Amino acid sequence: MTPFDFRGKTVLVTGGTRGIGAAIAQAFRHAGATVYVCGRSVTENADANHAADKSTHADATAAPPVRALAADVRDIDAIDALIARIEAETGRLDVVVSNAGGAPFVLAAQASPRFTESVIRLNLIAPLWLAQRANAVMQRQAEGGVLLFVGSVSGLRPSPGTAAYGAAKAGVINAVRSLAVEWAPKVRVAAVSPSLVHTDAAAADHVGEEGLHAAAATVPAGRLATPADVANACLFLASGHASYASGSNLVLEGGGEVPAFLAATEAGKAFGSA
């Protein structure tokens, strides 16, 4: 496989100090990019490179460290300051990965208005704000840029227990198609939508490792997605290999889910026996 080469490029990954975001940041780092990550409670540059210890790359120490900046992407002023600093330090912004997001399990009938609003703000409004500001920088660049959104299969199917989250991700996936039209041809816009990803946070939210193993048994691929799966998809979509992919949503679900009606039949049980 031809290695991805992002030397000379500047990449921003929101929520990039742990889990999926850390894997994405490290993947771009090892591809040669200057990488920034941000988070609400980041100690500047102290929390950005812990995932490097788990890297499988042989040249892990050769790549420049990821730069961590404290920023709450739910605050438009914080976004403006973040973009301005990155542009001032590097002179450019080539790829933005809107990864920050998530929501705990809460049944819709029990969710407070404040909770619902906070989920929508983090998972839909904040990525749109960031995209708007990043697009303004990219439109001024001769090479344009790429905006990537980490979506979710929750935006494509029922999402009981996380209804507001699923609705927000559905909004993101739709916005990707609209922004791809509005901001072409200088800026490409795409999404990566994984199913459940095996992370420490997922284990905490889904009844531990046993719960994750049980969930993995329902996936045709026989396993859950990993942060590396999502990171590799982001590398591809941000690269020249995907130069015609705009308005696209790359779904990562290991073959999907066996339909409930089929799983309930004797014939359908064969699909869950692997």
C-alpha atoms as a PDB file:
ATOM      1  CA  MET A   1       0.000   0.000   0.000  1.00  0.00           C
ATOM      2  CA  THR A   2       1.296   3.462  -0.904  1.00  0.00           C
ATOM      3  CA  PRO A   3       1.961   5.379   2.331  1.00  0.00           C
ATOM      4  CA  PHE A   4      -0.077   8.497   2.918  1.00  0.00           C
ATOM      5  CA  ASP A   5       2.083  11.620   2.798  1.00  0.00           C
ATOM      6  CA  PHE A   6       0.905  14.734   4.622  1.00  0.00           C
ATOM      7  CA  ARG A   7       4.276  16.445   4.943  1.00  0.00           C
ATOM      8  CA  GLY A   8       3.869  20.221   4.851  1.00  0.00           C
ATOM      9  CA  LYS A   9       0.206  19.974   5.836  1.00  0.00           C
ATOM     10  CA  THR A  10      -1.433  21.288   9.004  1.00  0.00           C
ATOM     11  CA  VAL A  11      -4.156  19.188  10.583  1.00  0.00           C
ATOM     12  CA  LEU A  12      -6.538  19.938  13.464  1.00  0.00           C
ATOM     13  CA  VAL A  13      -8.345  17.130  15.313  1.00  0.00           C
ATOM     14  CA  THR A  14     -10.918  18.111  17.911  1.00  0.00           C
ATOM     15  CA  GLY A  15     -11.164  15.873  20.965  1.00  0.00           C
ATOM     16  CA  GLY A  16      -7.808  14.472  19.935  1.00  0.00           C
ATOM     17  CA  THR A  17      -6.204  13.556  23.255  1.00  0.00           C
ATOM     18  CA  ARG A  18      -7.859  10.174  23.797  1.00  0.00           C
ATOM     19  CA  GLY A  19      -9.753   7.388  22.111  1.00  0.00           C
ATOM     20  CA  ILE A  20     -10.674   7.810  18.459  1.00  0.00           C
ATOM     21  CA  GLY A  21      -9.371  11.368  18.297  1.00  0.00           C
ATOM     22  CA  ALA A  22      -5.942  10.380  19.594  1.00  0.00           C
ATOM     23  CA  ALA A  23      -5.676   7.616  17.001  1.00  0.00           C
ATOM     24  CA  ILE A  24      -6.598  10.045  14.225  1.00  0.00           C
ATOM     25  CA  ALA A  25      -4.072  12.614  15.460  1.00  0.00           C
ATOM     26  CA  GLN A  26      -1.282  10.059  15.681  1.00  0.00           C
ATOM     27  CA  ALA A  27      -2.082   8.685  12.211  1.00  0.00           C
ATOM     28  CA  PHE A  28      -1.701  12.124  10.645  1.00  0.00           C
ATOM     29  CA  ARG A  29       1.388  12.721  12.766  1.00  0.00           C
ATOM     30  CA  HIS A  30       3.085   9.606  11.408  1.00  0.00           C
ATOM     31  CA  ALA A  31       2.068  10.623   7.897  1.00  0.00           C
ATOM     32  CA  GLY A  32       4.199  13.742   8.326  1.00  0.00           C
ATOM     33  CA  ALA A  33       1.607  16.407   9.135  1.00  0.00           C
ATOM     34  CA  THR A  34       1.883  19.160  11.696  1.00  0.00           C
ATOM     35  CA  VAL A  35      -0.950  18.107  13.996  1.00  0.00           C
ATOM     36  CA  TYR A  36      -2.927  20.108  16.524  1.00  0.00           C
ATOM     37  CA  VAL A  37      -5.512  18.685  18.899  1.00  0.00           C
ATOM     38  CA  CYS A  38      -7.852  20.499  21.237  1.00  0.00           C
ATOM     39  CA  GLY A  39      -9.989  19.682  24.238  1.00  0.00           C
ATOM     40  CA  ARG A  40     -11.849  21.440  27.014  1.00  0.00           C
ATOM     41  CA  SER A  41      -9.491  20.382  29.804  1.00  0.00           C
ATOM     42  CA  VAL A  42      -6.198  20.013  27.967  1.00  0.00           C
ATOM     43  CA  THR A  43      -2.981  21.111  29.625  1.00  0.00           C
ATOM     44  CA  GLU A  44      -1.184  22.666  26.682  1.00  0.00           C
ATOM     45  CA  ASN A  45       0.992  20.061  24.934  1.00  0.00           C
ATOM     46  CA  ALA A  46       1.008  17.802  28.010  1.00  0.00           C
ATOM     47  CA  ASP A  47      -1.792  15.459  26.961  1.00  0.00           C
ATOM     48  CA  ALA A  48      -1.360  15.250  23.209  1.00  0.00           C
ATOM     49  CA  ASN A  49       1.138  12.435  22.752  1.00  0.00           C
ATOM     50  CA  HIS A  50       0.152   9.745  25.239  1.00  0.00           C
ATOM     51  CA  ALA A  51      -1.327   7.633  22.446  1.00  0.00           C
ATOM     52  CA  ALA A  52       2.075   7.491  20.750  1.00  0.00           C
ATOM     53  CA  ASP A  53       3.143   4.863  23.278  1.00  0.00           C
ATOM     54  CA  LYS A  54       0.494   2.544  21.811  1.00  0.00           C
ATOM     55  CA  SER A  55       1.515   3.226  18.217  1.00  0.00           C
ATOM     56  CA  THR A  56       2.539   0.341  16.032  1.00  0.00           C
ATOM     57  CA  HIS A  57       4.621   2.552  13.772  1.00  0.00           C
ATOM     58  CA  ALA A  58       8.318   1.727  13.773  1.00  0.00           C
ATOM     59  CA  ASP A  59       9.255   5.385  13.412  1.00  0.00           C
ATOM     60  CA  ALA A  60       7.144   6.569  16.365  1.00  0.00           C
ATOM     61  CA  THR A  61       9.910   8.775  17.737  1.00  0.00           C
ATOM     62  CA  ALA A  62      10.749  10.332  14.358  1.00  0.00           C
ATOM     63  CA  ALA A  63       7.507  12.250  13.893  1.00  0.00           C
ATOM     64  CA  PRO A  64       7.153  15.687  15.492  1.00  0.00           C
ATOM     65  CA  PRO A  65       4.923  15.714  18.573  1.00  0.00           C
ATOM     66  CA  VAL A  66       1.260  16.577  18.401  1.00  0.00           C
ATOM     67  CA  ARG A  67       0.487  20.061  19.705  1.00  0.00           C
ATOM     68  CA  ALA A  68      -2.350  20.301  22.213  1.00  0.00           C
ATOM     69  CA  LEU A  69      -4.364  23.466  22.774  1.00  0.00           C
ATOM     70  CA  ALA A  70      -7.134  24.078  25.281  1.00  0.00           C
ATOM     71  CA  ALA A  71     -10.367  25.031  23.530  1.00  0.00           C
ATOM     72  CA  ASP A  72     -14.061  24.378  24.034  1.00  0.00           C
ATOM     73  CA  VAL A  73     -15.531  23.965  20.547  1.00  0.00           C
ATOM     74  CA  ARG A  74     -18.975  24.807  21.934  1.00  0.00           C
ATOM     75  CA  ASP A  75     -17.727  28.399  22.311  1.00  0.00           C
ATOM     76  CA  ILE A  76     -17.459  30.346  19.043  1.00  0.00           C
ATOM     77  CA  ASP A  77     -14.900  32.727  20.524  1.00  0.00           C
ATOM     78  CA  ALA A  78     -12.730  29.767  21.517  1.00  0.00           C
ATOM     79  CA  ILE A  79     -12.973  28.421  17.969  1.00  0.00           C
ATOM     80  CA  ASP A  80     -11.921  31.772  16.529  1.00  0.00           C
ATOM     81  CA  ALA A  81      -8.926  31.944  18.875  1.00  0.00           C
ATOM     82  CA  LEU A  82      -7.965  28.339  18.071  1.00  0.00           C
ATOM     83  CA  ILE A  83      -8.069  28.845  14.292  1.00  0.00           C
ATOM     84  CA  ALA A  84      -6.226  32.158  14.547  1.00  0.00           C
ATOM     85  CA  ARG A  85      -3.416  30.635  16.591  1.00  0.00           C
ATOM     86  CA  ILE A  86      -2.925  27.686  14.271  1.00  0.00           C
ATOM     87  CA  GLU A  87      -2.876  29.950  11.224  1.00  0.00           C
ATOM     88  CA  ALA A  88      -0.439  32.312  12.942  1.00  0.00           C
ATOM     89  CA  GLU A  89       1.933  29.481  13.872  1.00  0.00           C
ATOM     90  CA  THR A  90       1.847  27.484  10.637  1.00  0.00           C
ATOM     91  CA  GLY A  91       0.441  29.855   8.030  1.00  0.00           C
ATOM     92  CA  ARG A  92      -2.151  27.341   6.896  1.00  0.00           C
ATOM     93  CA  LEU A  93      -4.863  24.844   7.770  1.00  0.00           C
ATOM     94  CA  ASP A  94      -5.258  21.891   5.414  1.00  0.00           C
ATOM     95  CA  VAL A  95      -7.399  19.320   7.223  1.00  0.00           C
ATOM     96  CA  VAL A  96      -9.882  19.624  10.076  1.00  0.00           C
ATOM     97  CA  VAL A  97     -11.342  16.509  11.682  1.00  0.00           C
ATOM     98  CA  SER A  98     -14.394  17.270  13.831  1.00  0.00           C
ATOM     99  CA  ASN A  99     -14.217  14.352  16.218  1.00  0.00           C
ATOM    100  CA  ALA A 100     -15.255  15.810  19.589  1.00  0.00           C
ATOM    101  CA  GLY A 101     -18.671  14.544  20.616  1.00  0.00           C
ATOM    102  CA  GLY A 102     -20.639  11.849  22.358  1.00  0.00           C
ATOM    103  CA  ALA A 103     -23.517  11.453  24.786  1.00  0.00           C
ATOM    104  CA  PRO A 104     -24.369   9.177  27.707  1.00  0.00           C
ATOM    105  CA  PHE A 105     -27.298   6.749  27.587  1.00  0.00           C
ATOM    106  CA  VAL A 106     -30.483   8.575  28.604  1.00  0.00           C
ATOM    107  CA  LEU A 107     -33.982   7.618  27.512  1.00  0.00           C
ATOM    108  CA  ALA A 108     -35.658  10.470  25.644  1.00  0.00           C
ATOM    109  CA  ALA A 109     -38.623  10.625  28.052  1.00  0.00           C
ATOM    110  CA  GLN A 110     -36.187  11.232  30.919  1.00  0.00           C
ATOM    111  CA  ALA A 111     -33.853  13.727  29.225  1.00  0.00           C
ATOM    112  CA  SER A 112     -33.999  17.283  30.515  1.00  0.00           C
ATOM    113  CA  PRO A 113     -34.209  20.190  28.060  1.00  0.00           C
ATOM    114  CA  ARG A 114     -30.748  21.285  29.187  1.00  0.00           C
ATOM    115  CA  PHE A 115     -29.302  17.815  28.528  1.00  0.00           C
ATOM    116  CA  THR A 116     -30.838  17.624  25.050  1.00  0.00           C
ATOM    117  CA  GLU A 117     -29.609  21.093  24.161  1.00  0.00           C
ATOM    118  CA  SER A 118     -26.061  20.289  25.344  1.00  0.00           C
ATOM    119  CA  VAL A 119     -25.932  17.123  23.225  1.00  0.00           C
ATOM    120  CA  ILE A 120     -27.071  18.986  20.107  1.00  0.00           C
ATOM    121  CA  ARG A 121     -24.648  21.842  20.762  1.00  0.00           C
ATOM    122  CA  LEU A 122     -21.640  19.538  21.097  1.00  0.00           C
ATOM    123  CA  ASN A 123     -22.448  17.099  18.306  1.00  0.00           C
ATOM    124  CA  LEU A 124     -24.013  19.360  15.661  1.00  0.00           C
ATOM    125  CA  ILE A 125     -23.704  23.080  16.324  1.00  0.00           C
ATOM    126  CA  ALA A 126     -20.026  23.031  17.358  1.00  0.00           C
ATOM    127  CA  PRO A 127     -18.873  21.074  14.268  1.00  0.00           C
ATOM    128  CA  LEU A 128     -20.812  23.466  12.018  1.00  0.00           C
ATOM    129  CA  TRP A 129     -19.256  26.495  13.685  1.00  0.00           C
ATOM    130  CA  LEU A 130     -15.780  25.013  13.357  1.00  0.00           C
ATOM    131  CA  ALA A 131     -16.356  24.088   9.721  1.00  0.00           C
ATOM    132  CA  GLN A 132     -17.491  27.612   8.895  1.00  0.00           C
ATOM    133  CA  ARG A 133     -14.396  29.186  10.425  1.00  0.00           C
ATOM    134  CA  ALA A 134     -11.986  26.617   8.949  1.00  0.00           C
ATOM    135  CA  ASN A 135     -13.549  26.996   5.508  1.00  0.00           C
ATOM    136  CA  ALA A 136     -12.800  30.718   5.583  1.00  0.00           C
ATOM    137  CA  VAL A 137      -9.087  29.925   5.965  1.00  0.00           C
ATOM    138  CA  MET A 138      -9.090  27.125   3.394  1.00  0.00           C
ATOM    139  CA  GLN A 139     -10.841  29.212   0.746  1.00  0.00           C
ATOM    140  CA  ARG A 140      -7.890  31.646   0.845  1.00  0.00           C
ATOM    141  CA  GLN A 141      -5.373  28.863   0.223  1.00  0.00           C
ATOM    142  CA  ALA A 142      -4.408  27.895  -3.311  1.00  0.00           C
ATOM    143  CA  GLU A 143      -4.740  24.198  -2.383  1.00  0.00           C
ATOM    144  CA  GLY A 144      -8.012  24.622  -0.501  1.00  0.00           C
ATOM    145  CA  GLY A 145      -8.535  22.028   2.209  1.00  0.00           C
ATOM    146  CA  VAL A 146     -10.535  19.107   3.558  1.00  0.00           C
ATOM    147  CA  LEU A 147     -13.186  19.107   6.274  1.00  0.00           C
ATOM    148  CA  LEU A 148     -13.902  15.721   7.831  1.00  0.00           C
ATOM    149  CA  PHE A 149     -16.675  14.953  10.296  1.00  0.00           C
ATOM    150  CA  VAL A 150     -16.756  11.876  12.506  1.00  0.00           C
ATOM    151  CA  GLY A 151     -20.374  10.834  12.224  1.00  0.00           C
ATOM    152  CA  SER A 152     -22.016   7.660  13.471  1.00  0.00           C
ATOM    153  CA  VAL A 153     -24.323   4.900  12.296  1.00  0.00           C
ATOM    154  CA  SER A 154     -26.588   6.330  15.018  1.00  0.00           C
ATOM    155  CA  GLY A 155     -27.419   9.024  12.468  1.00  0.00           C
ATOM    156  CA  LEU A 156     -28.533   6.400   9.955  1.00  0.00           C
ATOM    157  CA  ARG A 157     -30.671   4.061  12.073  1.00  0.00           C
ATOM    158  CA  PRO A 158     -32.770   4.209  15.256  1.00  0.00           C
ATOM    159  CA  SER A 159     -30.748   5.341  18.260  1.00  0.00           C
ATOM    160  CA  PRO A 160     -32.765   4.425  21.372  1.00  0.00           C
ATOM    161  CA  GLY A 161     -31.211   5.758  24.545  1.00  0.00           C
ATOM    162  CA  THR A 162     -29.235   8.342  22.577  1.00  0.00           C
ATOM    163  CA  ALA A 163     -31.976   9.938  20.494  1.00  0.00           C
ATOM    164  CA  ALA A 164     -30.585  13.483  20.600  1.00  0.00           C
ATOM    165  CA  TYR A 165     -27.117  12.184  19.696  1.00  0.00           C
ATOM    166  CA  GLY A 166     -28.486  10.213  16.754  1.00  0.00           C
ATOM    167  CA  ALA A 167     -30.459  13.229  15.570  1.00  0.00           C
ATOM    168  CA  ALA A 168     -27.350  15.409  15.790  1.00  0.00           C
ATOM    169  CA  LYS A 169     -25.275  12.919  13.806  1.00  0.00           C
ATOM    170  CA  ALA A 170     -28.016  12.696  11.187  1.00  0.00           C
ATOM    171  CA  GLY A 171     -27.791  16.474  10.956  1.00  0.00           C
ATOM    172  CA  VAL A 172     -24.014  16.278  10.496  1.00  0.00           C
ATOM    173  CA  ILE A 173     -24.336  13.733   7.693  1.00  0.00           C
ATOM    174  CA  ASN A 174     -26.863  15.937   5.910  1.00  0.00           C
ATOM    175  CA  ALA A 175     -24.730  19.043   6.459  1.00  0.00           C
ATOM    176  CA  VAL A 176     -21.758  17.289   4.836  1.00  0.00           C
ATOM    177  CA  ARG A 177     -23.715  17.028   1.596  1.00  0.00           C
ATOM    178  CA  SER A 178     -24.839  20.656   1.727  1.00  0.00           C
ATOM    179  CA  LEU A 179     -21.432  22.084   2.613  1.00  0.00           C
ATOM    180  CA  ALA A 180     -19.794  20.024  -0.131  1.00  0.00           C
ATOM    181  CA  VAL A 181     -21.965  21.905  -2.618  1.00  0.00           C
ATOM    182  CA  GLU A 182     -21.561  25.353  -1.074  1.00  0.00           C
ATOM    183  CA  TRP A 183     -17.796  25.247  -0.590  1.00  0.00           C
ATOM    184  CA  ALA A 184     -16.667  23.376  -3.704  1.00  0.00           C
ATOM    185  CA  PRO A 185     -14.330  23.230  -5.486  1.00  0.00           C
ATOM    186  CA  LYS A 186     -11.718  24.616  -3.077  1.00  0.00           C
ATOM    187  CA  VAL A 187     -12.843  22.650  -0.021  1.00  0.00           C
ATOM    188  CA  ARG A 188     -13.854  19.000   0.102  1.00  0.00           C
ATOM    189  CA  VAL A 189     -16.252  17.864   2.827  1.00  0.00           C
ATOM    190  CA  ALA A 190     -16.800  14.262   3.929  1.00  0.00           C
ATOM    191  CA  ALA A 191     -17.786  12.123   6.904  1.00  0.00           C
ATOM    192  CA  VAL A 192     -16.716   8.842   8.457  1.00  0.00           C
ATOM    193  CA  SER A 193     -19.540   7.062  10.293  1.00  0.00           C
ATOM    194  CA  PRO A 194     -18.458   4.089  12.408  1.00  0.00           C
ATOM    195  CA  SER A 195     -20.595   1.735  14.401  1.00  0.00           C
ATOM    196  CA  LEU A 196     -19.590   1.018  18.000  1.00  0.00           C
ATOM    197  CA  VAL A 197     -15.839   1.528  18.422  1.00  0.00           C
ATOM    198  CA  HIS A 198     -13.838  -0.416  21.018  1.00  0.00           C
ATOM    199  CA  THR A 199     -12.490   2.302  23.328  1.00  0.00           C
ATOM    200  CA  ASP A 200     -12.190   2.750  27.082  1.00  0.00           C
ATOM    201  CA  ALA A 201     -15.138   5.139  26.954  1.00  0.00           C
ATOM    202  CA  ALA A 202     -17.262   2.576  25.110  1.00  0.00           C
ATOM    203  CA  ALA A 203     -16.444  -0.043  27.746  1.00  0.00           C
ATOM    204  CA  ALA A 204     -17.581   2.341  30.468  1.00  0.00           C
ATOM    205  CA  ASP A 205     -20.813   3.171  28.633  1.00  0.00           C
ATOM    206  CA  HIS A 206     -21.697  -0.357  27.527  1.00  0.00           C
ATOM    207  CA  VAL A 207     -21.370  -2.488  30.670  1.00  0.00           C
ATOM    208  CA  GLY A 208     -17.667  -3.192  30.496  1.00  0.00           C
ATOM    209  CA  GLU A 209     -15.586  -5.449  28.308  1.00  0.00           C
ATOM    210  CA  GLU A 210     -18.115  -8.281  28.520  1.00  0.00           C
ATOM    211  CA  GLY A 211     -20.737  -6.000  27.019  1.00  0.00           C
ATOM    212  CA  LEU A 212     -18.391  -5.051  24.195  1.00  0.00           C
ATOM    213  CA  HIS A 213     -17.632  -8.697  23.451  1.00  0.00           C
ATOM    214  CA  ALA A 214     -21.351  -9.424  23.340  1.00  0.00           C
ATOM    215  CA  ALA A 215     -21.867  -6.515  20.956  1.00  0.00           C
ATOM    216  CA  ALA A 216     -18.997  -7.708  18.769  1.00  0.00           C
ATOM    217  CA  ALA A 217     -20.709 -11.069  18.380  1.00  0.00           C
ATOM    218  CA  THR A 218     -23.572  -9.342  16.544  1.00  0.00           C
ATOM    219  CA  VAL A 219     -21.262  -7.846  13.899  1.00  0.00           C
ATOM    220  CA  PRO A 220     -20.670  -9.877  10.715  1.00  0.00           C
ATOM    221  CA  ALA A 221     -16.967  -9.000  10.816  1.00  0.00           C
ATOM    222  CA  GLY A 222     -16.739 -10.668  14.235  1.00  0.00           C
ATOM    223  CA  ARG A 223     -15.294  -7.637  15.968  1.00  0.00           C
ATOM    224  CA  LEU A 224     -15.998  -4.012  16.793  1.00  0.00           C
ATOM    225  CA  ALA A 225     -14.349  -1.144  14.977  1.00  0.00           C
ATOM    226  CA  THR A 226     -11.072   0.096  16.439  1.00  0.00           C
ATOM    227  CA  PRO A 227      -9.823   3.687  16.662  1.00  0.00           C
ATOM    228  CA  ALA A 228      -7.251   2.734  14.015  1.00  0.00           C
ATOM    229  CA  ASP A 229     -10.043   1.778  11.610  1.00  0.00           C
ATOM    230  CA  VAL A 230     -11.500   5.267  11.907  1.00  0.00           C
ATOM    231  CA  ALA A 231      -8.063   6.902  11.670  1.00  0.00           C
ATOM    232  CA  ASN A 232      -7.203   5.022   8.491  1.00  0.00           C
ATOM    233  CA  ALA A 233     -10.501   6.082   6.924  1.00  0.00           C
ATOM    234  CA  CYS A 234      -9.715   9.708   7.776  1.00  0.00           C
ATOM    235  CA  LEU A 235      -6.250   9.436   6.220  1.00  0.00           C
ATOM    236  CA  PHE A 236      -7.780   8.106   3.023  1.00  0.00           C
ATOM    237  CA  LEU A 237     -10.538  10.718   2.779  1.00  0.00           C
ATOM    238  CA  ALA A 238      -8.125  13.582   3.479  1.00  0.00           C
ATOM    239  CA  SER A 239      -5.619  12.345   0.893  1.00  0.00           C
ATOM    240  CA  GLY A 240      -5.358  12.846  -2.837  1.00  0.00           C
ATOM    241  CA  HIS A 241      -6.526   9.258  -3.273  1.00  0.00           C
ATOM    242  CA  ALA A 242     -10.013  10.541  -2.381  1.00  0.00           C
ATOM    243  CA  SER A 243      -9.878  13.752  -4.408  1.00  0.00           C
ATOM    244  CA  TYR A 244     -13.343  13.105  -5.898  1.00  0.00           C
ATOM    245  CA  ALA A 245     -14.929  12.181  -2.566  1.00  0.00           C
ATOM    246  CA  SER A 246     -16.914  15.192  -1.419  1.00  0.00           C
ATOM    247  CA  GLY A 247     -20.338  15.036   0.148  1.00  0.00           C
ATOM    248  CA  SER A 248     -19.461  11.421   0.912  1.00  0.00           C
ATOM    249  CA  ASN A 249     -20.166   9.454   4.070  1.00  0.00           C
ATOM    250  CA  LEU A 250     -17.896   6.441   4.547  1.00  0.00           C
ATOM    251  CA  VAL A 251     -19.769   3.977   6.761  1.00  0.00           C
ATOM    252  CA  LEU A 252     -17.611   1.643   8.872  1.00  0.00           C
ATOM    253  CA  GLU A 253     -19.800  -1.067  10.367  1.00  0.00           C
ATOM    254  CA  GLY A 254     -18.121  -4.396   9.631  1.00  0.00           C
ATOM    255  CA  GLY A 255     -20.984  -5.639   7.483  1.00  0.00           C
ATOM    256  CA  GLY A 256     -23.744  -3.941   9.423  1.00  0.00           C
ATOM    257  CA  GLU A 257     -26.396  -5.459  11.650  1.00  0.00           C
ATOM    258  CA  VAL A 258     -28.519  -8.532  11.037  1.00  0.00           C
ATOM    259  CA  PRO A 259     -32.117  -7.275  10.651  1.00  0.00           C
ATOM    260  CA  ALA A 260     -34.113  -7.969  13.822  1.00  0.00           C
ATOM    261  CA  PHE A 261     -36.846  -9.850  11.983  1.00  0.00           C
ATOM    262  CA  LEU A 262     -34.264 -12.121  10.354  1.00  0.00           C
ATOM    263  CA  ALA A 263     -32.306 -12.648  13.574  1.00  0.00           C
ATOM    264  CA  ALA A 264     -35.521 -13.867  15.203  1.00  0.00           C
ATOM    265  CA  THR A 265     -35.946 -16.692  12.700  1.00  0.00           C
ATOM    266  CA  GLU A 266     -34.258 -20.080  12.596  1.00  0.00           C
ATOM    267  CA  ALA A 267     -32.708 -19.250   9.226  1.00  0.00           C
ATOM    268  CA  GLY A 268     -31.424 -15.937  10.491  1.00  0.00           C
ATOM    269  CA  LYS A 269     -29.672 -17.510  13.470  1.00  0.00           C
ATOM    270  CA  ALA A 270     -27.017 -18.796  11.088  1.00  0.00           C
ATOM    271  CA  PHE A 271     -25.765 -15.223  10.699  1.00  0.00           C
ATOM    272  CA  GLY A 272     -25.035 -14.972  14.420  1.00  0.00           C
ATOM    273  CA  SER A 273     -23.205 -18.263  14.747  1.00  0.00           C
ATOM    274  CA  ALA A 274     -19.782 -17.111  13.506  1.00  0.00           C
END
